[in-house]
Structures are given as C-alpha cells and as structure tokens.
Amino acid sequence: MLLATPDWGPDGRDVDDDALPPDAEQRLASGLRIDLHHCVEDDVVPIDHLDPLSARLPRATVTRRIHGGHQFEGDALEAVAGTLR
C-alpha cells in the first residue's frame, strides 16, 4: 500500500535514483496486492503524480480521495484502514 506517493520518474519529480524502473511491474511478485491511495487536495504531493505512477503499476488498485490532505486526515485515514481489514 502506497499513500500519497510521489512519482519520481520523468513525469513527476524527475529523480532517476528514486524512480521506479520501467519493468517495476514485472519485478514484483505476481500475487502481490498493490494499492495506491492519494488525496486530491494533497498540497505536498500533487494528485497528478498518481497517474504516471499507476501507469507503471497497471495492476494496482487506485483510490483517489477528495479530502484528507497529504496526511490522510479525518475520514480519509479510516477509509484507508478499511481497505486493510
């Protein structure tokens, strides 16, 4: 599970050392569950980082939350926790 994760690739922060490799999806175990959660109103990592990251991890379940900011405050954190139950 990744929360408010920056895209370190060329479409995001463009930091080669931290970017997912092009074959990231193939390197992960085939049965591994991948969840990406991001809040639209995140003012630390903009929501537009989510699309390129999810493109590199196409089997990931992507959840956009309207409220919660970068720290998933309030109901957003409870909703994320609910996905773990």
PDB file of N, CA and C in Angstrom:
ATOM      1  N   MET A   1       0.842  -1.161   0.000  1.00  0.00           N
ATOM      2  CA  MET A   1       0.000   0.000   0.000  1.00  0.00           C
ATOM      3  C   MET A   1       0.895   1.234   0.000  1.00  0.00           C
ATOM      4  N   LEU A   2       0.623   2.104  -0.916  1.00  0.00           N
ATOM      5  CA  LEU A   2       1.380   3.354  -1.022  1.00  0.00           C
ATOM      6  C   LEU A   2       0.412   4.517  -0.842  1.00  0.00           C
ATOM      7  N   LEU A   3       0.778   5.428   0.032  1.00  0.00           N
ATOM      8  CA  LEU A   3      -0.064   6.594   0.332  1.00  0.00           C
ATOM      9  C   LEU A   3       0.642   7.871  -0.108  1.00  0.00           C
ATOM     10  N   ALA A   4      -0.047   8.682  -0.896  1.00  0.00           N
ATOM     11  CA  ALA A   4       0.479   9.989  -1.305  1.00  0.00           C
ATOM     12  C   ALA A   4       1.899   9.890  -1.838  1.00  0.00           C
ATOM     13  N   THR A   5       2.138   8.888  -2.654  1.00  0.00           N
ATOM     14  CA  THR A   5       3.487   8.614  -3.148  1.00  0.00           C
ATOM     15  C   THR A   5       3.842   9.511  -4.324  1.00  0.00           C
ATOM     16  N   PRO A   6       4.995  10.166  -4.261  1.00  0.00           N
ATOM     17  CA  PRO A   6       5.430  10.953  -5.410  1.00  0.00           C
ATOM     18  C   PRO A   6       5.838  10.042  -6.564  1.00  0.00           C
ATOM     19  N   ASP A   7       5.654  10.537  -7.757  1.00  0.00           N
ATOM     20  CA  ASP A   7       6.223   9.878  -8.930  1.00  0.00           C
ATOM     21  C   ASP A   7       7.610  10.471  -9.108  1.00  0.00           C
ATOM     22  N   TRP A   8       8.621   9.649  -8.940  1.00  0.00           N
ATOM     23  CA  TRP A   8       9.998  10.122  -9.034  1.00  0.00           C
ATOM     24  C   TRP A   8      10.525  10.048 -10.461  1.00  0.00           C
ATOM     25  N   GLY A   9       9.705   9.582 -11.393  1.00  0.00           N
ATOM     26  CA  GLY A   9      10.117   9.455 -12.790  1.00  0.00           C
ATOM     27  C   GLY A   9      10.084  10.781 -13.524  1.00  0.00           C
ATOM     28  N   PRO A  10      10.317  10.732 -14.838  1.00  0.00           N
ATOM     29  CA  PRO A  10      10.405  11.957 -15.639  1.00  0.00           C
ATOM     30  C   PRO A  10       9.112  12.760 -15.695  1.00  0.00           C
ATOM     31  N   ASP A  11       7.966  12.112 -15.442  1.00  0.00           N
ATOM     32  CA  ASP A  11       6.694  12.836 -15.460  1.00  0.00           C
ATOM     33  C   ASP A  11       6.354  13.467 -14.116  1.00  0.00           C
ATOM     34  N   GLY A  12       7.169  13.182 -13.101  1.00  0.00           N
ATOM     35  CA  GLY A  12       6.915  13.703 -11.763  1.00  0.00           C
ATOM     36  C   GLY A  12       8.060  14.574 -11.290  1.00  0.00           C
ATOM     37  N   ARG A  13       8.760  14.095 -10.275  1.00  0.00           N
ATOM     38  CA  ARG A  13       9.852  14.878  -9.687  1.00  0.00           C
ATOM     39  C   ARG A  13      11.170  14.726 -10.435  1.00  0.00           C
ATOM     40  N   ASP A  14      11.237  13.755 -11.330  1.00  0.00           N
ATOM     41  CA  ASP A  14      12.394  13.529 -12.206  1.00  0.00           C
ATOM     42  C   ASP A  14      13.692  13.338 -11.421  1.00  0.00           C
ATOM     43  N   VAL A  15      13.696  12.333 -10.553  1.00  0.00           N
ATOM     44  CA  VAL A  15      14.873  11.958  -9.775  1.00  0.00           C
ATOM     45  C   VAL A  15      15.181  10.505 -10.125  1.00  0.00           C
ATOM     46  N   ASP A  16      16.100  10.313 -11.068  1.00  0.00           N
ATOM     47  CA  ASP A  16      16.385   8.974 -11.597  1.00  0.00           C
ATOM     48  C   ASP A  16      16.684   7.941 -10.527  1.00  0.00           C
ATOM     49  N   ASP A  17      17.436   8.304  -9.504  1.00  0.00           N
ATOM     50  CA  ASP A  17      17.832   7.335  -8.484  1.00  0.00           C
ATOM     51  C   ASP A  17      16.641   6.803  -7.685  1.00  0.00           C
ATOM     52  N   ASP A  18      15.543   7.544  -7.638  1.00  0.00           N
ATOM     53  CA  ASP A  18      14.388   7.144  -6.852  1.00  0.00           C
ATOM     54  C   ASP A  18      13.211   6.661  -7.702  1.00  0.00           C
ATOM     55  N   ALA A  19      13.315   6.787  -9.005  1.00  0.00           N
ATOM     56  CA  ALA A  19      12.213   6.425  -9.900  1.00  0.00           C
ATOM     57  C   ALA A  19      12.049   4.911  -9.992  1.00  0.00           C
ATOM     58  N   LEU A  20      10.815   4.486 -10.192  1.00  0.00           N
ATOM     59  CA  LEU A  20      10.570   3.072 -10.453  1.00  0.00           C
ATOM     60  C   LEU A  20      11.175   2.711 -11.807  1.00  0.00           C
ATOM     61  N   PRO A  21      11.798   1.562 -11.912  1.00  0.00           N
ATOM     62  CA  PRO A  21      12.329   1.151 -13.211  1.00  0.00           C
ATOM     63  C   PRO A  21      11.184   0.827 -14.170  1.00  0.00           C
ATOM     64  N   PRO A  22      11.431   0.881 -15.459  1.00  0.00           N
ATOM     65  CA  PRO A  22      10.373   0.599 -16.439  1.00  0.00           C
ATOM     66  C   PRO A  22       9.739  -0.780 -16.255  1.00  0.00           C
ATOM     67  N   ASP A  23      10.495  -1.735 -15.728  1.00  0.00           N
ATOM     68  CA  ASP A  23       9.969  -3.088 -15.545  1.00  0.00           C
ATOM     69  C   ASP A  23       9.539  -3.354 -14.101  1.00  0.00           C
ATOM     70  N   ALA A  24       9.170  -2.314 -13.373  1.00  0.00           N
ATOM     71  CA  ALA A  24       8.794  -2.454 -11.957  1.00  0.00           C
ATOM     72  C   ALA A  24       7.686  -3.484 -11.770  1.00  0.00           C
ATOM     73  N   GLU A  25       6.687  -3.448 -12.625  1.00  0.00           N
ATOM     74  CA  GLU A  25       5.560  -4.379 -12.505  1.00  0.00           C
ATOM     75  C   GLU A  25       6.028  -5.832 -12.595  1.00  0.00           C
ATOM     76  N   GLN A  26       6.944  -6.109 -13.495  1.00  0.00           N
ATOM     77  CA  GLN A  26       7.434  -7.472 -13.679  1.00  0.00           C
ATOM     78  C   GLN A  26       8.330  -7.938 -12.526  1.00  0.00           C
ATOM     79  N   ARG A  27       8.944  -7.023 -11.831  1.00  0.00           N
ATOM     80  CA  ARG A  27       9.822  -7.373 -10.716  1.00  0.00           C
ATOM     81  C   ARG A  27       9.064  -7.757  -9.449  1.00  0.00           C
ATOM     82  N   LEU A  28       7.817  -7.374  -9.372  1.00  0.00           N
ATOM     83  CA  LEU A  28       7.022  -7.643  -8.181  1.00  0.00           C
ATOM     84  C   LEU A  28       6.375  -9.022  -8.284  1.00  0.00           C
ATOM     85  N   ALA A  29       6.212  -9.673  -7.157  1.00  0.00           N
ATOM     86  CA  ALA A  29       5.583 -10.993  -7.126  1.00  0.00           C
ATOM     87  C   ALA A  29       4.209 -10.933  -7.789  1.00  0.00           C
ATOM     88  N   SER A  30       3.879 -11.941  -8.556  1.00  0.00           N
ATOM     89  CA  SER A  30       2.639 -11.924  -9.326  1.00  0.00           C
ATOM     90  C   SER A  30       1.389 -11.819  -8.456  1.00  0.00           C
ATOM     91  N   GLY A  31       1.403 -12.357  -7.256  1.00  0.00           N
ATOM     92  CA  GLY A  31       0.232 -12.300  -6.395  1.00  0.00           C
ATOM     93  C   GLY A  31       0.208 -11.122  -5.441  1.00  0.00           C
ATOM     94  N   LEU A  32       1.209 -10.265  -5.540  1.00  0.00           N
ATOM     95  CA  LEU A  32       1.312  -9.129  -4.626  1.00  0.00           C
ATOM     96  C   LEU A  32       0.194  -8.121  -4.882  1.00  0.00           C
ATOM     97  N   ARG A  33      -0.509  -7.764  -3.825  1.00  0.00           N
ATOM     98  CA  ARG A  33      -1.556  -6.741  -3.924  1.00  0.00           C
ATOM     99  C   ARG A  33      -0.893  -5.369  -3.859  1.00  0.00           C
ATOM    100  N   ILE A  34      -1.291  -4.503  -4.756  1.00  0.00           N
ATOM    101  CA  ILE A  34      -0.743  -3.148  -4.795  1.00  0.00           C
ATOM    102  C   ILE A  34      -1.915  -2.175  -4.724  1.00  0.00           C
ATOM    103  N   ASP A  35      -1.891  -1.297  -3.721  1.00  0.00           N
ATOM    104  CA  ASP A  35      -2.917  -0.270  -3.561  1.00  0.00           C
ATOM    105  C   ASP A  35      -2.236   1.095  -3.540  1.00  0.00           C
ATOM    106  N   LEU A  36      -2.727   1.992  -4.366  1.00  0.00           N
ATOM    107  CA  LEU A  36      -2.244   3.376  -4.385  1.00  0.00           C
ATOM    108  C   LEU A  36      -3.381   4.279  -3.915  1.00  0.00           C
ATOM    109  N   HIS A  37      -3.133   5.051  -2.868  1.00  0.00           N
ATOM    110  CA  HIS A  37      -4.129   5.984  -2.336  1.00  0.00           C
ATOM    111  C   HIS A  37      -3.547   7.399  -2.388  1.00  0.00           C
ATOM    112  N   HIS A  38      -4.371   8.335  -2.784  1.00  0.00           N
ATOM    113  CA  HIS A  38      -3.920   9.724  -2.859  1.00  0.00           C
ATOM    114  C   HIS A  38      -5.125  10.633  -2.655  1.00  0.00           C
ATOM    115  N   CYS A  39      -4.935  11.720  -1.955  1.00  0.00           N
ATOM    116  CA  CYS A  39      -5.995  12.713  -1.750  1.00  0.00           C
ATOM    117  C   CYS A  39      -5.854  13.831  -2.777  1.00  0.00           C
ATOM    118  N   VAL A  40      -6.959  14.187  -3.386  1.00  0.00           N
ATOM    119  CA  VAL A  40      -6.957  15.230  -4.408  1.00  0.00           C
ATOM    120  C   VAL A  40      -6.413  16.541  -3.853  1.00  0.00           C
ATOM    121  N   GLU A  41      -6.739  16.854  -2.596  1.00  0.00           N
ATOM    122  CA  GLU A  41      -6.309  18.127  -2.018  1.00  0.00           C
ATOM    123  C   GLU A  41      -4.936  18.053  -1.338  1.00  0.00           C
ATOM    124  N   ASP A  42      -4.122  17.067  -1.664  1.00  0.00           N
ATOM    125  CA  ASP A  42      -2.761  16.959  -1.125  1.00  0.00           C
ATOM    126  C   ASP A  42      -1.938  18.141  -1.630  1.00  0.00           C
ATOM    127  N   ASP A  43      -1.415  18.943  -0.713  1.00  0.00           N
ATOM    128  CA  ASP A  43      -0.622  20.111  -1.125  1.00  0.00           C
ATOM    129  C   ASP A  43       0.887  19.857  -1.029  1.00  0.00           C
ATOM    130  N   VAL A  44       1.280  18.635  -0.723  1.00  0.00           N
ATOM    131  CA  VAL A  44       2.701  18.270  -0.678  1.00  0.00           C
ATOM    132  C   VAL A  44       3.081  17.498  -1.938  1.00  0.00           C
ATOM    133  N   VAL A  45       2.304  16.480  -2.261  1.00  0.00           N
ATOM    134  CA  VAL A  45       2.489  15.694  -3.483  1.00  0.00           C
ATOM    135  C   VAL A  45       1.207  15.847  -4.301  1.00  0.00           C
ATOM    136  N   PRO A  46       1.248  16.639  -5.355  1.00  0.00           N
ATOM    137  CA  PRO A  46       0.036  16.883  -6.144  1.00  0.00           C
ATOM    138  C   PRO A  46      -0.564  15.587  -6.696  1.00  0.00           C
ATOM    139  N   ILE A  47      -1.866  15.587  -6.859  1.00  0.00           N
ATOM    140  CA  ILE A  47      -2.593  14.417  -7.341  1.00  0.00           C
ATOM    141  C   ILE A  47      -2.114  13.976  -8.723  1.00  0.00           C
ATOM    142  N   ASP A  48      -1.549  14.879  -9.508  1.00  0.00           N
ATOM    143  CA  ASP A  48      -1.102  14.484 -10.853  1.00  0.00           C
ATOM    144  C   ASP A  48       0.096  13.527 -10.831  1.00  0.00           C
ATOM    145  N   HIS A  49       0.661  13.261  -9.663  1.00  0.00           N
ATOM    146  CA  HIS A  49       1.704  12.243  -9.545  1.00  0.00           C
ATOM    147  C   HIS A  49       1.109  10.834  -9.597  1.00  0.00           C
ATOM    148  N   LEU A  50      -0.168  10.719  -9.329  1.00  0.00           N
ATOM    149  CA  LEU A  50      -0.797   9.406  -9.247  1.00  0.00           C
ATOM    150  C   LEU A  50      -0.900   8.713 -10.605  1.00  0.00           C
ATOM    151  N   ASP A  51      -1.233   9.431 -11.645  1.00  0.00           N
ATOM    152  CA  ASP A  51      -1.435   8.804 -12.953  1.00  0.00           C
ATOM    153  C   ASP A  51      -0.170   8.160 -13.528  1.00  0.00           C
ATOM    154  N   PRO A  52       0.978   8.856 -13.557  1.00  0.00           N
ATOM    155  CA  PRO A  52       2.171   8.183 -14.089  1.00  0.00           C
ATOM    156  C   PRO A  52       2.622   7.012 -13.216  1.00  0.00           C
ATOM    157  N   LEU A  53       2.427   7.130 -11.911  1.00  0.00           N
ATOM    158  CA  LEU A  53       2.793   6.037 -11.016  1.00  0.00           C
ATOM    159  C   LEU A  53       1.894   4.827 -11.270  1.00  0.00           C
ATOM    160  N   SER A  54       0.616   5.060 -11.404  1.00  0.00           N
ATOM    161  CA  SER A  54      -0.295   3.942 -11.658  1.00  0.00           C
ATOM    162  C   SER A  54      -0.074   3.355 -13.047  1.00  0.00           C
ATOM    163  N   ALA A  55       0.409   4.143 -13.994  1.00  0.00           N
ATOM    164  CA  ALA A  55       0.731   3.604 -15.324  1.00  0.00           C
ATOM    165  C   ALA A  55       1.902   2.623 -15.246  1.00  0.00           C
ATOM    166  N   ARG A  56       2.841   2.863 -14.332  1.00  0.00           N
ATOM    167  CA  ARG A  56       3.967   1.944 -14.155  1.00  0.00           C
ATOM    168  C   ARG A  56       3.570   0.700 -13.369  1.00  0.00           C
ATOM    169  N   LEU A  57       2.456   0.789 -12.650  1.00  0.00           N
ATOM    170  CA  LEU A  57       1.956  -0.332 -11.844  1.00  0.00           C
ATOM    171  C   LEU A  57       0.503  -0.604 -12.255  1.00  0.00           C
ATOM    172  N   PRO A  58       0.274  -1.087 -13.473  1.00  0.00           N
ATOM    173  CA  PRO A  58      -1.089  -1.182 -14.004  1.00  0.00           C
ATOM    174  C   PRO A  58      -2.022  -2.123 -13.241  1.00  0.00           C
ATOM    175  N   ARG A  59      -1.497  -3.061 -12.490  1.00  0.00           N
ATOM    176  CA  ARG A  59      -2.406  -3.940 -11.731  1.00  0.00           C
ATOM    177  C   ARG A  59      -2.784  -3.351 -10.364  1.00  0.00           C
ATOM    178  N   ALA A  60      -2.243  -2.198 -10.044  1.00  0.00           N
ATOM    179  CA  ALA A  60      -2.555  -1.554  -8.766  1.00  0.00           C
ATOM    180  C   ALA A  60      -4.015  -1.099  -8.732  1.00  0.00           C
ATOM    181  N   THR A  61      -4.589  -1.190  -7.558  1.00  0.00           N
ATOM    182  CA  THR A  61      -5.895  -0.596  -7.311  1.00  0.00           C
ATOM    183  C   THR A  61      -5.651   0.851  -6.914  1.00  0.00           C
ATOM    184  N   VAL A  62      -6.246   1.766  -7.641  1.00  0.00           N
ATOM    185  CA  VAL A  62      -6.013   3.196  -7.429  1.00  0.00           C
ATOM    186  C   VAL A  62      -7.242   3.825  -6.775  1.00  0.00           C
ATOM    187  N   THR A  63      -7.006   4.531  -5.676  1.00  0.00           N
ATOM    188  CA  THR A  63      -8.094   5.214  -4.972  1.00  0.00           C
ATOM    189  C   THR A  63      -7.742   6.683  -4.804  1.00  0.00           C
ATOM    190  N   ARG A  64      -8.609   7.529  -5.348  1.00  0.00           N
ATOM    191  CA  ARG A  64      -8.473   8.976  -5.170  1.00  0.00           C
ATOM    192  C   ARG A  64      -9.497   9.410  -4.122  1.00  0.00           C
ATOM    193  N   ARG A  65      -9.036  10.105  -3.131  1.00  0.00           N
ATOM    194  CA  ARG A  65      -9.928  10.640  -2.103  1.00  0.00           C
ATOM    195  C   ARG A  65      -9.958  12.160  -2.266  1.00  0.00           C
ATOM    196  N   ILE A  66     -11.094  12.748  -2.075  1.00  0.00           N
ATOM    197  CA  ILE A  66     -11.218  14.198  -2.231  1.00  0.00           C
ATOM    198  C   ILE A  66     -10.520  14.916  -1.083  1.00  0.00           C
ATOM    199  N   HIS A  67     -10.827  14.526   0.141  1.00  0.00           N
ATOM    200  CA  HIS A  67     -10.323  15.225   1.317  1.00  0.00           C
ATOM    201  C   HIS A  67      -9.322  14.363   2.082  1.00  0.00           C
ATOM    202  N   GLY A  68      -8.527  15.011   2.905  1.00  0.00           N
ATOM    203  CA  GLY A  68      -7.574  14.311   3.762  1.00  0.00           C
ATOM    204  C   GLY A  68      -6.171  14.864   3.689  1.00  0.00           C
ATOM    205  N   GLY A  69      -5.886  15.622   2.635  1.00  0.00           N
ATOM    206  CA  GLY A  69      -4.557  16.208   2.507  1.00  0.00           C
ATOM    207  C   GLY A  69      -3.464  15.170   2.356  1.00  0.00           C
ATOM    208  N   HIS A  70      -2.253  15.560   2.633  1.00  0.00           N
ATOM    209  CA  HIS A  70      -1.107  14.665   2.481  1.00  0.00           C
ATOM    210  C   HIS A  70      -1.055  13.601   3.578  1.00  0.00           C
ATOM    211  N   GLN A  71      -1.594  13.910   4.744  1.00  0.00           N
ATOM    212  CA  GLN A  71      -1.520  13.001   5.890  1.00  0.00           C
ATOM    213  C   GLN A  71      -2.771  12.127   6.053  1.00  0.00           C
ATOM    214  N   PHE A  72      -3.692  12.185   5.099  1.00  0.00           N
ATOM    215  CA  PHE A  72      -4.925  11.385   5.168  1.00  0.00           C
ATOM    216  C   PHE A  72      -5.655  11.630   6.489  1.00  0.00           C
ATOM    217  N   GLU A  73      -5.963  12.872   6.725  1.00  0.00           N
ATOM    218  CA  GLU A  73      -6.614  13.265   7.970  1.00  0.00           C
ATOM    219  C   GLU A  73      -8.100  12.921   7.941  1.00  0.00           C
ATOM    220  N   GLY A  74      -8.658  12.765   9.118  1.00  0.00           N
ATOM    221  CA  GLY A  74     -10.096  12.548   9.260  1.00  0.00           C
ATOM    222  C   GLY A  74     -10.563  11.232   8.669  1.00  0.00           C
ATOM    223  N   ASP A  75     -11.670  11.296   7.944  1.00  0.00           N
ATOM    224  CA  ASP A  75     -12.290  10.108   7.374  1.00  0.00           C
ATOM    225  C   ASP A  75     -11.391   9.398   6.359  1.00  0.00           C
ATOM    226  N   ALA A  76     -10.468  10.119   5.740  1.00  0.00           N
ATOM    227  CA  ALA A  76      -9.603   9.510   4.724  1.00  0.00           C
ATOM    228  C   ALA A  76      -8.743   8.405   5.327  1.00  0.00           C
ATOM    229  N   LEU A  77      -8.220   8.626   6.514  1.00  0.00           N
ATOM    230  CA  LEU A  77      -7.391   7.612   7.157  1.00  0.00           C
ATOM    231  C   LEU A  77      -8.222   6.386   7.513  1.00  0.00           C
ATOM    232  N   GLU A  78      -9.408   6.594   8.006  1.00  0.00           N
ATOM    233  CA  GLU A  78     -10.300   5.470   8.344  1.00  0.00           C
ATOM    234  C   GLU A  78     -10.653   4.688   7.078  1.00  0.00           C
ATOM    235  N   ALA A  79     -10.866   5.372   5.977  1.00  0.00           N
ATOM    236  CA  ALA A  79     -11.196   4.692   4.726  1.00  0.00           C
ATOM    237  C   ALA A  79     -10.021   3.836   4.255  1.00  0.00           C
ATOM    238  N   VAL A  80      -8.805   4.355   4.361  1.00  0.00           N
ATOM    239  CA  VAL A  80      -7.611   3.580   4.003  1.00  0.00           C
ATOM    240  C   VAL A  80      -7.490   2.363   4.908  1.00  0.00           C
ATOM    241  N   ALA A  81      -7.666   2.558   6.205  1.00  0.00           N
ATOM    242  CA  ALA A  81      -7.597   1.446   7.140  1.00  0.00           C
ATOM    243  C   ALA A  81      -8.631   0.381   6.802  1.00  0.00           C
ATOM    244  N   GLY A  82      -9.783   0.809   6.334  1.00  0.00           N
ATOM    245  CA  GLY A  82     -10.822  -0.130   5.960  1.00  0.00           C
ATOM    246  C   GLY A  82     -10.419  -1.046   4.821  1.00  0.00           C
ATOM    247  N   THR A  83      -9.548  -0.595   3.963  1.00  0.00           N
ATOM    248  CA  THR A  83      -9.083  -1.454   2.867  1.00  0.00           C
ATOM    249  C   THR A  83      -8.161  -2.544   3.360  1.00  0.00           C
ATOM    250  N   LEU A  84      -7.611  -2.373   4.547  1.00  0.00           N
ATOM    251  CA  LEU A  84      -6.716  -3.375   5.119  1.00  0.00           C
ATOM    252  C   LEU A  84      -7.485  -4.461   5.877  1.00  0.00           C
ATOM    253  N   ARG A  85      -8.705  -4.173   6.225  1.00  0.00           N
ATOM    254  CA  ARG A  85      -9.490  -5.129   7.039  1.00  0.00           C
ATOM    255  C   ARG A  85     -10.020  -6.254   6.203  1.00  0.00           C
TER     256      ARG A  85
END
